[in-house]
Protein backbone atom coordinates (compact mmCIF):
# COMPACT_ATOMS: atom_id res chain seq x y z
CA MET A 1 -0.09 6.10 -31.77
CA GLN A 2 -2.40 7.33 -29.01
CA LEU A 3 -6.14 6.74 -29.10
CA ASN A 4 -8.46 9.67 -29.56
CA ARG A 5 -10.87 9.33 -26.63
CA ARG A 6 -13.90 10.84 -28.34
CA ASN A 7 -13.51 8.75 -31.50
CA PHE A 8 -12.84 5.63 -29.47
CA LEU A 9 -15.79 5.99 -27.11
CA PHE A 10 -18.42 7.23 -29.50
CA GLY A 11 -17.19 6.14 -32.89
CA SER A 12 -16.54 2.43 -32.44
CA ALA A 13 -18.74 -0.61 -32.23
CA ALA A 14 -16.71 -1.71 -29.23
CA ALA A 15 -18.13 1.17 -27.22
CA MET A 16 -21.53 -0.51 -26.95
CA THR A 17 -19.95 -3.71 -25.70
CA LEU A 18 -17.85 -1.73 -23.24
CA ALA A 19 -20.88 0.07 -21.88
CA GLY A 20 -22.45 -3.28 -21.07
CA CYS A 21 -19.28 -4.43 -19.35
CA ALA A 22 -19.49 -1.56 -16.91
CA THR A 23 -22.66 -2.82 -15.24
CA GLY A 24 -21.96 -6.47 -14.49
CA LYS A 25 -19.35 -9.07 -13.74
CA VAL A 26 -16.98 -9.75 -16.61
CA GLY A 27 -14.76 -12.77 -17.12
CA LEU A 28 -11.52 -13.06 -19.03
CA ARG A 29 -11.22 -11.68 -22.53
CA GLN A 30 -10.97 -14.35 -25.20
CA LEU A 31 -7.43 -14.24 -26.57
CA LYS A 32 -6.35 -14.75 -30.13
CA PRO A 33 -3.82 -17.53 -30.80
CA GLY A 34 -0.40 -16.46 -29.50
CA GLU A 35 -1.78 -13.37 -27.77
CA LYS A 36 -0.78 -12.51 -24.19
CA ARG A 37 -2.74 -10.85 -21.41
CA ARG A 38 -2.29 -7.11 -21.89
CA VAL A 39 -1.46 -4.78 -19.00
CA ALA A 40 -1.23 -0.99 -18.87
CA MET A 41 0.91 0.80 -16.28
CA ILE A 42 -0.59 4.03 -14.88
CA GLY A 43 1.64 6.57 -13.13
CA TYR A 44 5.34 6.50 -14.01
CA GLY A 45 7.12 7.29 -10.77
CA ILE A 46 10.12 5.66 -9.15
CA GLN A 47 8.07 2.72 -7.80
CA MET A 48 6.71 1.99 -11.26
CA ARG A 49 10.09 2.35 -12.92
CA SER A 50 12.23 0.45 -10.44
CA ALA A 51 9.86 -2.24 -9.17
CA LEU A 52 6.57 -2.69 -10.98
CA ILE A 53 7.56 -2.52 -14.65
CA PRO A 54 10.52 -4.91 -14.17
CA GLN A 55 8.32 -7.34 -12.22
CA PHE A 56 5.43 -7.31 -14.69
CA ALA A 57 7.87 -7.59 -17.60
CA GLY A 58 9.57 -10.58 -15.97
CA VAL A 59 6.45 -12.32 -14.74
CA ASN A 60 6.34 -14.84 -17.60
CA ASP A 61 9.64 -16.32 -16.46
CA GLN A 62 8.35 -16.80 -12.89
CA CYS A 63 4.76 -17.97 -13.37
CA THR A 64 4.14 -21.63 -14.01
CA LYS A 65 0.37 -21.13 -13.93
CA LEU A 66 0.08 -18.59 -16.74
CA ARG A 67 -1.41 -20.16 -19.82
CA ASP A 68 -0.77 -17.28 -22.19
CA GLY A 69 1.64 -14.92 -20.46
CA VAL A 70 1.53 -11.18 -19.76
CA GLU A 71 2.67 -8.23 -21.88
CA ILE A 72 2.97 -4.55 -20.96
CA VAL A 73 1.41 -2.60 -23.82
CA ALA A 74 1.05 0.94 -22.48
CA VAL A 75 2.54 3.35 -19.95
CA CYS A 76 0.30 6.23 -18.93
CA ASP A 77 1.23 9.46 -17.20
CA CYS A 78 -0.04 13.03 -17.44
CA ASP A 79 3.62 14.12 -17.71
CA ARG A 80 4.92 13.77 -21.28
CA VAL A 81 8.53 13.15 -20.28
CA ARG A 82 7.54 10.43 -17.85
CA ARG A 83 5.19 8.50 -20.13
CA GLU A 84 7.65 8.57 -23.00
CA ALA A 85 10.45 7.38 -20.71
CA GLY A 86 8.19 4.60 -19.44
CA ALA A 87 7.29 3.39 -22.90
CA LYS A 88 10.96 3.45 -23.85
CA GLN A 89 11.87 1.41 -20.76
CA VAL A 90 9.30 -1.25 -21.67
CA ASP A 91 10.48 -1.36 -25.29
CA GLU A 92 14.09 -1.79 -24.15
CA ILE A 93 13.15 -4.65 -21.84
CA TYR A 94 11.25 -6.47 -24.58
CA GLY A 95 13.58 -5.44 -27.42
CA THR A 96 10.62 -4.03 -29.39
CA PRO A 97 11.34 -0.36 -30.26
CA GLY A 98 8.26 1.82 -30.65
CA LYS A 99 5.75 -0.85 -29.66
CA CYS A 100 4.69 0.24 -26.16
CA ARG A 101 2.19 3.11 -26.20
CA ALA A 102 2.83 6.33 -24.26
CA VAL A 103 -0.62 7.50 -23.11
CA ALA A 104 -1.51 10.87 -21.60
CA ASP A 105 -5.03 10.17 -20.25
CA PHE A 106 -5.57 7.13 -18.01
CA ARG A 107 -9.15 6.83 -19.29
CA ASP A 108 -7.79 5.80 -22.68
CA VAL A 109 -6.36 2.59 -21.24
CA ILE A 110 -9.15 1.94 -18.74
CA GLU A 111 -11.70 2.18 -21.53
CA ASP A 112 -9.69 0.13 -24.04
CA PRO A 113 -11.38 -3.30 -24.34
CA SER A 114 -8.16 -4.93 -25.55
CA ILE A 115 -6.43 -4.29 -22.19
CA ASP A 116 -7.01 -6.93 -19.52
CA MET A 117 -5.23 -5.45 -16.49
CA VAL A 118 -4.03 -2.16 -15.12
CA CYS A 119 -1.28 -1.50 -12.60
CA ILE A 120 -1.86 1.76 -10.73
CA GLY A 121 1.17 3.59 -9.37
CA ALA A 122 -0.22 7.13 -9.33
CA PRO A 123 -0.22 9.19 -6.10
CA ASP A 124 -2.64 8.08 -3.38
CA HIS A 125 -5.40 10.57 -4.14
CA TRP A 126 -6.00 8.88 -7.53
CA HIS A 127 -6.02 5.23 -6.40
CA ALA A 128 -9.71 4.78 -5.66
CA TYR A 129 -11.11 6.54 -8.72
CA MET A 130 -8.81 4.71 -11.12
CA SER A 131 -9.39 1.35 -9.43
CA VAL A 132 -13.17 1.57 -9.44
CA GLU A 133 -13.39 2.84 -13.01
CA ALA A 134 -11.03 0.11 -14.20
CA MET A 135 -13.14 -2.59 -12.55
CA LYS A 136 -16.29 -1.09 -14.05
CA HIS A 137 -14.73 -1.53 -17.46
CA GLY A 138 -13.77 -5.15 -17.02
CA LYS A 139 -10.17 -4.71 -15.88
CA ASP A 140 -8.37 -6.67 -13.19
CA VAL A 141 -6.45 -4.27 -10.97
CA TYR A 142 -3.09 -4.15 -9.19
CA CYS A 143 -3.01 -0.97 -7.10
CA GLU A 144 -0.15 0.32 -5.00
CA LYS A 145 -0.60 0.88 -1.29
CA PRO A 146 -2.07 2.65 0.57
CA LEU A 147 -5.17 1.63 -1.29
CA THR A 148 -7.14 4.86 -0.89
CA PHE A 149 -7.02 8.45 0.33
CA SER A 150 -10.13 8.19 2.55
CA VAL A 151 -12.18 5.60 4.45
CA ASP A 152 -15.16 6.34 2.22
CA GLU A 153 -13.03 5.46 -0.81
CA ALA A 154 -11.85 2.24 0.86
CA ARG A 155 -15.45 1.16 1.33
CA LYS A 156 -16.18 1.94 -2.30
CA VAL A 157 -13.21 0.00 -3.70
CA ILE A 158 -14.22 -3.01 -1.58
CA ALA A 159 -17.80 -2.70 -2.85
CA ALA A 160 -16.63 -2.36 -6.45
CA GLN A 161 -14.60 -5.56 -6.37
CA LYS A 162 -17.61 -7.43 -5.02
CA LYS A 163 -19.97 -5.86 -7.57
CA TYR A 164 -17.85 -6.32 -10.68
CA GLY A 165 -16.16 -9.59 -9.75
CA ARG A 166 -12.66 -8.50 -10.73
CA VAL A 167 -9.34 -9.87 -9.51
CA PHE A 168 -7.69 -7.24 -7.31
CA GLN A 169 -4.28 -7.03 -5.68
CA THR A 170 -3.08 -4.36 -3.25
CA GLY A 171 0.67 -3.76 -3.50
CA SER A 172 1.31 -4.74 0.14
CA MET A 173 4.36 -6.67 -0.97
CA GLN A 174 5.50 -7.67 2.53
CA ARG A 175 2.73 -10.29 2.52
CA SER A 176 4.75 -12.08 -0.12
CA TRP A 177 8.05 -11.91 1.79
CA ARG A 178 9.15 -14.99 3.66
CA GLU A 179 10.23 -13.26 6.88
CA PHE A 180 6.84 -11.62 7.36
CA ARG A 181 4.90 -14.77 6.50
CA ASP A 182 7.00 -16.80 8.97
CA ALA A 183 6.57 -14.15 11.68
CA VAL A 184 2.81 -14.07 11.22
CA SER A 185 2.69 -17.86 11.06
CA LEU A 186 4.34 -18.08 14.49
CA VAL A 187 1.89 -15.56 15.90
CA ARG A 188 -1.22 -17.06 14.29
CA GLY A 189 -0.04 -20.58 15.09
CA GLY A 190 0.05 -19.75 18.80
CA LEU A 191 3.78 -20.05 19.53
CA VAL A 192 3.83 -16.96 21.76
CA GLY A 193 0.35 -17.37 23.22
CA ASP A 194 -2.37 -14.74 22.99
CA VAL A 195 -1.10 -11.46 21.57
CA MET A 196 -1.89 -8.59 23.94
CA PHE A 197 0.28 -5.77 22.53
CA VAL A 198 1.59 -4.86 19.06
CA ASP A 199 4.08 -2.18 18.01
CA ALA A 200 4.05 -0.72 14.50
CA ASN A 201 7.12 1.46 14.03
CA TYR A 202 7.51 4.07 11.30
CA GLY A 203 8.18 7.79 10.98
CA ARG A 204 10.79 9.95 12.65
CA GLY A 205 9.44 11.44 15.85
CA GLY A 206 11.50 14.62 16.03
CA GLN A 207 12.45 15.17 12.41
CA LYS A 208 10.90 16.75 9.36
CA LEU A 209 9.02 13.60 8.31
CA GLY A 210 7.17 12.16 11.29
CA GLY A 211 4.19 9.81 11.21
CA PRO A 212 1.24 12.00 10.17
CA SER A 213 0.72 14.18 7.14
CA HIS A 214 1.25 17.97 7.18
CA PRO A 215 -1.14 20.88 6.68
CA VAL A 216 -1.36 21.85 3.02
CA ARG A 217 1.42 24.14 1.84
CA PHE A 218 2.40 25.16 -1.66
CA TRP A 219 6.20 25.25 -1.48
CA ASP A 220 8.78 23.18 0.32
CA ASP A 221 10.70 26.39 0.93
CA PRO A 222 8.81 29.68 0.35
CA LYS A 223 12.10 31.38 -0.55
CA ASN A 224 12.32 29.03 -3.55
CA ALA A 225 8.72 29.53 -4.65
CA ALA A 226 9.65 31.02 -8.02
CA ALA A 227 11.90 28.09 -8.92
CA GLU A 228 9.61 25.39 -7.50
CA GLY A 229 6.58 26.88 -9.23
CA ALA A 230 8.14 27.72 -12.59
CA PRO A 231 5.84 26.60 -15.45
CA ASN A 232 6.22 22.99 -16.56
CA PRO A 233 4.73 22.56 -20.05
CA ASP A 234 5.29 18.78 -19.90
CA VAL A 235 2.66 18.10 -17.24
CA ASP A 236 -1.13 18.39 -17.36
CA TRP A 237 -1.35 19.97 -13.90
CA LYS A 238 -5.13 19.90 -13.68
CA MET A 239 -5.10 16.18 -14.41
CA TRP A 240 -2.30 15.59 -11.91
CA LEU A 241 -4.38 17.21 -9.16
CA GLY A 242 -7.57 15.40 -10.16
CA PRO A 243 -9.84 15.26 -7.09
CA ALA A 244 -7.46 17.34 -4.93
CA ARG A 245 -8.05 21.03 -4.38
CA MET A 246 -6.65 23.41 -6.96
CA ARG A 247 -3.30 25.02 -6.16
CA PRO A 248 -0.30 26.42 -8.02
CA TYR A 249 1.98 23.98 -9.80
CA SER A 250 4.88 22.80 -7.64
CA ASP A 251 7.76 20.63 -8.75
CA GLN A 252 7.89 19.37 -5.18
CA LEU A 253 4.51 17.71 -5.75
CA ALA A 254 5.18 16.63 -9.33
CA PRO A 255 8.97 16.50 -9.83
CA ARG A 256 10.05 17.58 -13.29
CA GLY A 257 11.13 14.80 -15.60
CA VAL A 258 12.09 11.32 -14.38
CA ASN A 259 13.18 11.64 -10.76
CA ASN A 260 15.43 9.23 -8.87
CA PHE A 261 13.95 9.77 -5.42
CA TYR A 262 10.68 9.07 -3.65
CA PRO A 263 8.78 12.39 -3.70
CA MET A 264 7.64 12.75 -0.10
CA PHE A 265 6.21 16.26 -0.46
CA TRP A 266 2.88 15.06 -1.86
CA ARG A 267 2.74 12.06 0.49
CA PHE A 268 2.89 14.43 3.47
CA ASP A 269 0.21 16.77 2.10
CA ASP A 270 -3.17 16.56 3.89
CA ASP A 271 -5.00 16.84 0.59
CA ILE A 272 -3.07 14.15 -1.29
CA GLY A 273 -1.53 11.64 1.14
CA SER A 274 -1.46 10.51 4.77
CA GLY A 275 2.20 10.91 5.68
CA TYR A 276 4.29 7.98 6.83
CA ASN A 277 1.01 6.49 8.07
CA GLY A 278 0.15 5.77 4.44
CA ASP A 279 3.73 5.00 3.41
CA TRP A 280 5.53 2.69 5.84
CA GLY A 281 2.42 2.42 8.00
CA ALA A 282 0.67 0.73 5.10
CA HIS A 283 3.32 -2.00 5.37
CA HIS A 284 3.80 -2.46 9.11
CA LEU A 285 0.16 -1.88 10.10
CA ASP A 286 -0.79 -4.39 7.40
CA ILE A 287 1.47 -7.00 9.01
CA ALA A 288 -0.04 -6.18 12.41
CA GLN A 289 -3.54 -6.70 11.03
CA TRP A 290 -2.48 -9.95 9.35
CA GLY A 291 -0.90 -11.23 12.55
CA LEU A 292 -4.03 -10.40 14.57
CA ASP A 293 -6.20 -12.23 12.02
CA CYS A 294 -8.23 -9.06 11.50
CA ASP A 295 -8.26 -8.89 7.70
CA ASP A 296 -12.06 -8.72 7.74
CA SER A 297 -12.43 -6.39 10.70
CA GLY A 298 -10.39 -3.74 12.50
CA PRO A 299 -10.01 -1.81 15.74
CA VAL A 300 -12.84 -0.76 18.06
CA LYS A 301 -11.15 2.27 19.57
CA VAL A 302 -8.53 4.88 18.72
CA ILE A 303 -6.62 6.46 21.62
CA PRO A 304 -4.86 9.79 21.00
CA SER A 305 -1.15 10.23 21.59
CA ASP A 306 0.12 11.82 24.77
CA GLU A 307 3.57 12.57 23.33
CA PRO A 308 4.65 16.23 23.20
CA TYR A 309 3.32 18.39 20.39
CA SER A 310 5.84 18.95 17.63
CA ALA A 311 7.53 22.33 17.45
CA ASP A 312 8.59 21.73 13.83
CA LEU A 313 7.01 24.33 11.56
CA TYR A 314 6.19 21.67 8.96
CA HIS A 315 4.15 19.57 11.40
CA GLY A 316 1.43 22.10 12.14
CA GLY A 317 1.78 21.45 15.87
CA ARG A 318 0.80 17.78 15.51
CA ARG A 319 2.16 14.98 17.66
CA GLN A 320 4.27 12.63 15.56
CA PHE A 321 3.86 9.24 17.20
CA GLY A 322 2.28 7.57 20.23
CA MET A 323 -1.35 7.03 19.20
CA LYS A 324 -2.90 3.63 19.96
CA MET A 325 -5.63 1.40 18.57
CA VAL A 326 -7.58 -1.28 20.44
CA PHE A 327 -8.60 -4.53 18.74
CA ARG A 328 -11.19 -6.79 20.40
CA LYS A 329 -10.31 -10.48 20.42
CA PRO A 330 -12.23 -13.37 22.08
CA TYR A 331 -9.57 -13.58 24.81
CA GLY A 332 -9.45 -9.81 25.47
CA ASP A 333 -8.43 -6.45 24.04
CA VAL A 334 -5.18 -5.97 22.11
CA GLU A 335 -3.41 -2.62 22.16
CA LEU A 336 -1.48 -1.48 19.08
CA TYR A 337 1.04 1.32 19.54
CA HIS A 338 2.56 3.51 16.82
CA GLY A 339 6.24 4.24 17.48
CA PRO A 340 8.99 5.80 15.35
CA PHE A 341 11.36 3.89 13.04
CA GLY A 342 13.64 1.36 14.66
CA VAL A 343 15.20 -2.04 14.09
CA TRP A 344 11.77 -3.68 14.18
CA GLY A 345 8.85 -2.75 11.95
CA THR A 346 6.19 -4.87 13.70
CA VAL A 347 6.46 -6.47 17.15
CA PHE A 348 3.91 -8.90 18.65
CA TYR A 349 3.89 -9.33 22.45
CA GLY A 350 2.15 -12.55 23.49
CA THR A 351 1.40 -14.17 26.83
CA ASN A 352 4.34 -16.53 26.28
CA GLY A 353 6.79 -14.70 24.03
CA ILE A 354 7.55 -12.04 21.44
CA VAL A 355 7.91 -12.05 17.65
CA ALA A 356 9.68 -9.08 16.04
CA VAL A 357 10.12 -8.62 12.29
CA ASN A 358 11.29 -6.13 9.71
CA ARG A 359 12.68 -6.33 6.19
CA GLY A 360 15.69 -8.63 6.33
CA LYS A 361 15.29 -9.25 10.07
CA ILE A 362 13.40 -11.53 12.44
CA ALA A 363 13.73 -12.48 16.11
CA VAL A 364 11.66 -14.74 18.34
CA TRP A 365 11.57 -15.01 22.15
CA VAL A 366 9.71 -17.92 23.79
CA GLY A 367 8.88 -18.46 27.45
CA THR A 368 9.03 -14.83 28.54
CA GLY A 369 5.53 -14.64 29.96
CA LEU A 370 3.51 -11.53 29.12
CA VAL A 371 5.82 -8.54 28.72
CA THR A 372 4.24 -5.10 28.86
CA PRO A 373 6.08 -2.90 26.35
CA THR A 374 7.63 0.05 28.18
CA PRO A 375 10.20 2.44 26.69
CA GLU A 376 12.90 0.39 28.43
CA ILE A 377 11.60 -2.90 26.99
CA ARG A 378 11.35 -1.42 23.51
CA ALA A 379 14.91 -0.11 23.74
CA ALA A 380 16.17 -3.51 24.88
CA LEU A 381 14.43 -5.18 21.93
CA GLN A 382 15.95 -2.68 19.51
CA ASN A 383 19.40 -3.31 20.99
CA MET A 384 18.89 -7.08 21.19
CA THR A 385 19.71 -7.05 24.91
CA PHE A 386 16.26 -8.27 25.94
CA MET A 387 16.22 -11.73 27.65
CA PRO A 388 18.97 -13.29 25.50
CA ASP A 389 18.35 -16.69 27.14
CA LYS A 390 14.76 -16.67 25.79
CA CYS A 391 15.68 -15.69 22.22
CA VAL A 392 15.29 -18.88 20.19
CA VAL A 393 16.16 -17.42 16.78
CA ALA A 394 17.44 -14.08 15.51
CA SER A 395 18.67 -12.53 12.27
CA VAL A 396 19.86 -9.01 12.99
CA GLY A 397 23.58 -9.18 12.28
CA VAL A 398 23.42 -6.85 9.29
CA ASP A 399 21.48 -3.63 8.84
CA TYR A 400 19.61 -4.23 5.60
CA GLY A 401 18.25 -0.70 5.42
CA THR A 402 14.66 0.23 4.76
CA ASP A 403 14.16 -1.75 1.57
CA ALA A 404 16.33 -4.82 2.21
CA MET A 405 15.98 -5.90 -1.42
CA ALA A 406 19.57 -7.13 -1.72
CA LYS A 407 20.61 -10.14 0.37
CA LYS A 408 23.91 -9.40 2.11
CA ASP A 409 24.49 -12.61 4.09
CA ASP A 410 22.84 -15.90 5.07
CA ASN A 411 21.65 -14.74 8.49
CA LEU A 412 18.05 -14.27 7.44
CA SER A 413 17.65 -17.42 5.35
CA GLY A 414 19.32 -19.46 8.09
CA ALA A 415 16.96 -18.05 10.72
CA LEU A 416 13.91 -18.71 8.55
CA ASP A 417 15.08 -22.25 7.80
CA LYS A 418 15.36 -22.82 11.55
CA ILE A 419 11.90 -21.42 12.19
CA GLU A 420 10.28 -23.55 9.51
CA LYS A 421 12.06 -26.68 10.80
CA ASP A 422 11.84 -26.23 14.58
CA PHE A 423 8.29 -24.85 14.55
CA ALA A 424 6.90 -26.73 11.56
CA ASP A 425 3.76 -27.73 13.46
CA VAL A 426 3.08 -24.11 14.42
CA VAL A 427 3.56 -22.89 10.85
CA LYS A 428 1.29 -25.66 9.58
CA LYS A 429 -1.38 -24.80 12.15
CA ALA A 430 -1.40 -21.17 10.99
CA GLY A 431 -1.97 -22.34 7.41
CA LEU A 432 -1.21 -19.01 5.77
CA TYR A 433 -1.69 -18.28 2.09
CA VAL A 434 1.75 -18.60 0.46
CA SER A 435 2.65 -16.04 -2.21
CA ARG A 436 6.14 -15.91 -3.65
CA ASN A 437 5.78 -12.44 -5.14
CA GLN A 438 2.96 -9.88 -5.11
CA VAL A 439 2.96 -9.32 -8.89
CA VAL A 440 3.31 -13.03 -9.70
CA ASN A 441 0.45 -13.83 -7.34
CA PHE A 442 -1.73 -11.23 -9.05
CA CYS A 443 -1.01 -12.46 -12.56
CA GLU A 444 -1.60 -16.09 -11.62
CA CYS A 445 -4.91 -15.15 -9.99
CA VAL A 446 -5.96 -13.21 -13.08
CA GLU A 447 -5.67 -16.49 -14.98
CA SER A 448 -7.22 -18.72 -12.30
CA ARG A 449 -9.79 -16.14 -11.08
CA GLU A 450 -8.85 -17.01 -7.51
CA ARG A 451 -8.47 -14.60 -4.59
CA THR A 452 -5.13 -12.80 -4.35
CA ILE A 453 -3.15 -12.54 -1.14
CA SER A 454 -4.26 -8.92 -0.68
CA PRO A 455 -7.62 -8.25 -2.37
CA ALA A 456 -9.60 -5.04 -2.03
CA GLU A 457 -11.09 -5.87 1.36
CA VAL A 458 -7.69 -6.67 2.87
CA GLY A 459 -6.04 -3.63 1.29
CA GLY A 460 -9.00 -1.41 2.15
CA ARG A 461 -9.01 -2.39 5.79
CA SER A 462 -5.23 -2.09 6.15
CA CYS A 463 -5.47 1.32 4.53
CA THR A 464 -8.20 2.24 7.01
CA LEU A 465 -5.75 1.64 9.87
CA CYS A 466 -3.38 4.14 8.27
CA LEU A 467 -6.17 6.68 7.89
CA LEU A 468 -7.41 6.24 11.46
CA CYS A 469 -3.86 6.89 12.67
CA ASN A 470 -3.63 10.00 10.57
CA MET A 471 -7.02 11.32 11.69
CA SER A 472 -6.03 10.87 15.32
CA TYR A 473 -2.93 13.04 14.82
CA GLN A 474 -4.59 15.49 12.47
CA TYR A 475 -7.48 16.22 14.86
CA ASP A 476 -5.57 15.39 18.06
CA THR A 477 -8.33 13.11 19.26
CA GLY A 478 -9.55 9.58 19.82
CA PHE A 479 -12.84 7.91 19.01
CA ASP A 480 -14.74 4.63 18.99
CA TRP A 481 -14.83 2.68 15.74
CA ASP A 482 -17.23 0.20 14.15
CA PRO A 483 -14.95 -2.23 12.28
CA VAL A 484 -17.86 -3.88 10.45
CA GLY A 485 -19.43 -0.72 9.09
CA MET A 486 -16.07 1.05 8.87
CA THR A 487 -17.44 4.15 10.56
CA PHE A 488 -17.42 5.99 13.88
CA ALA A 489 -19.30 4.42 16.79
CA ASN A 490 -21.07 5.54 19.97
CA GLY A 491 -21.52 9.11 18.81
CA THR A 492 -17.80 9.82 18.56
CA GLY A 493 -15.83 11.29 15.67
CA LYS A 494 -17.94 14.42 15.39
CA GLY A 495 -16.41 17.01 13.09
CA ILE A 496 -14.25 14.44 11.27
CA SER A 497 -15.18 13.49 7.72
CA LEU A 498 -14.51 10.00 6.36
CA LYS A 499 -14.58 11.27 2.80
CA ARG A 500 -12.94 14.00 0.77
CA GLU A 501 -14.84 17.21 1.23
CA GLY A 502 -16.10 19.16 -1.79
CA ASP A 503 -17.08 18.05 -5.27
CA CYS A 504 -13.72 16.39 -6.04
CA ASN A 505 -13.54 18.51 -9.21
CA GLY A 506 -15.83 16.01 -10.91
CA TRP A 507 -13.71 12.98 -9.95
CA GLU A 508 -15.91 11.57 -7.19
CA VAL A 509 -15.69 7.79 -6.85
CA ARG A 510 -18.97 6.14 -7.82
CA VAL A 511 -19.48 2.39 -7.65
């Protein structure tokens, strides 16, 4: 049975308690004997269905630090078919038919005092509003990456976590993967010297989906407008759009029913996402930031791409890769370059070697001296023909694909075992936070009230890198950046807004 929002908010004694919760820091809810921590899942897309619900449902079997356990009690989506399918999936996992609630309005779960946590898997343009409102109402939050749609929203989510004292986890799951932690440990531990260059590779330079987002368009193919825009009575379209500008319904933005693909149309829409910058960039730029030990800062300069302008109609004339960011370190400036997809997701070039990593793959070169990444060097790294005598460990025998969730051989584990044995002192010196799983880490921190591996500040600053990339392509420009204030510096950035323009249809984020 769904809650009636008006009766719940204004007709219950709990509403007065809830109102007080929204203005100060709130601890854990006192549980009844045998009761578990209650979590609501918001946004039933393929990521929620295939990854987040199974992980949250299985967390009790993996967490040794959970005193009471975790239970999914609601699935929320503004599409009726989706929310009902989500509730059914949860009931089937638990073997409890009809128990999980299917909720239409996310405010019903955010404002429910019996729910302890929310997991947000809605499209990017909703992340900040839902996260901040949930924290206001005493909820701990797991939010998918990229954390926000704008830099202004990133600042607000960071401020909200500090103000309301909630446990927060950004879904930057690569921070909980062994290959990325080992790669960053080698970099932070000094194995390859001072890092001077970094590559972050994502997007397809000459194809339909490059790095940046696209100008707003209503239909994927105008010839199919009638079919793509046919009425869908199952979705509350106004709610789906939320703070985004009004436009006709499109099943390319909100696929009908329960889809089995990642809907990239909305992710590449200027008004809703930030292209591959906010998709894969949110992963590989996050690892770059982690490796540079810049989780509490960021770049000082953005340099525009000098690659050719795209002739693809979808791209709006924008360049698709090649922009750079400059990070200031005590030993000098570090240049980060955005390149297209390849074998390696993130590559660190140090004064004495190179560390390259991707899902299911890692390679380390030591004793190379400083190598300036040219197109020829990058090609040699991709082909594994670069200085084979200096390569001390590699795991690239099998193409694991973009997700690399299924282990296909022992190449990776063997390489990581070698790294952790041969360079144990380097890994120890780095002293990185060890998380076995992003969801497990979140749930354990909810109980302990400790900092997660990717709290709001980390997720907000990684997201900011994605947004700076996108702005550089969108406006075809560079600018100076203040990483402390998270704003433009030295009078640059004129004509570029760091927040969503307009009134957000009443959904403006307010801390």
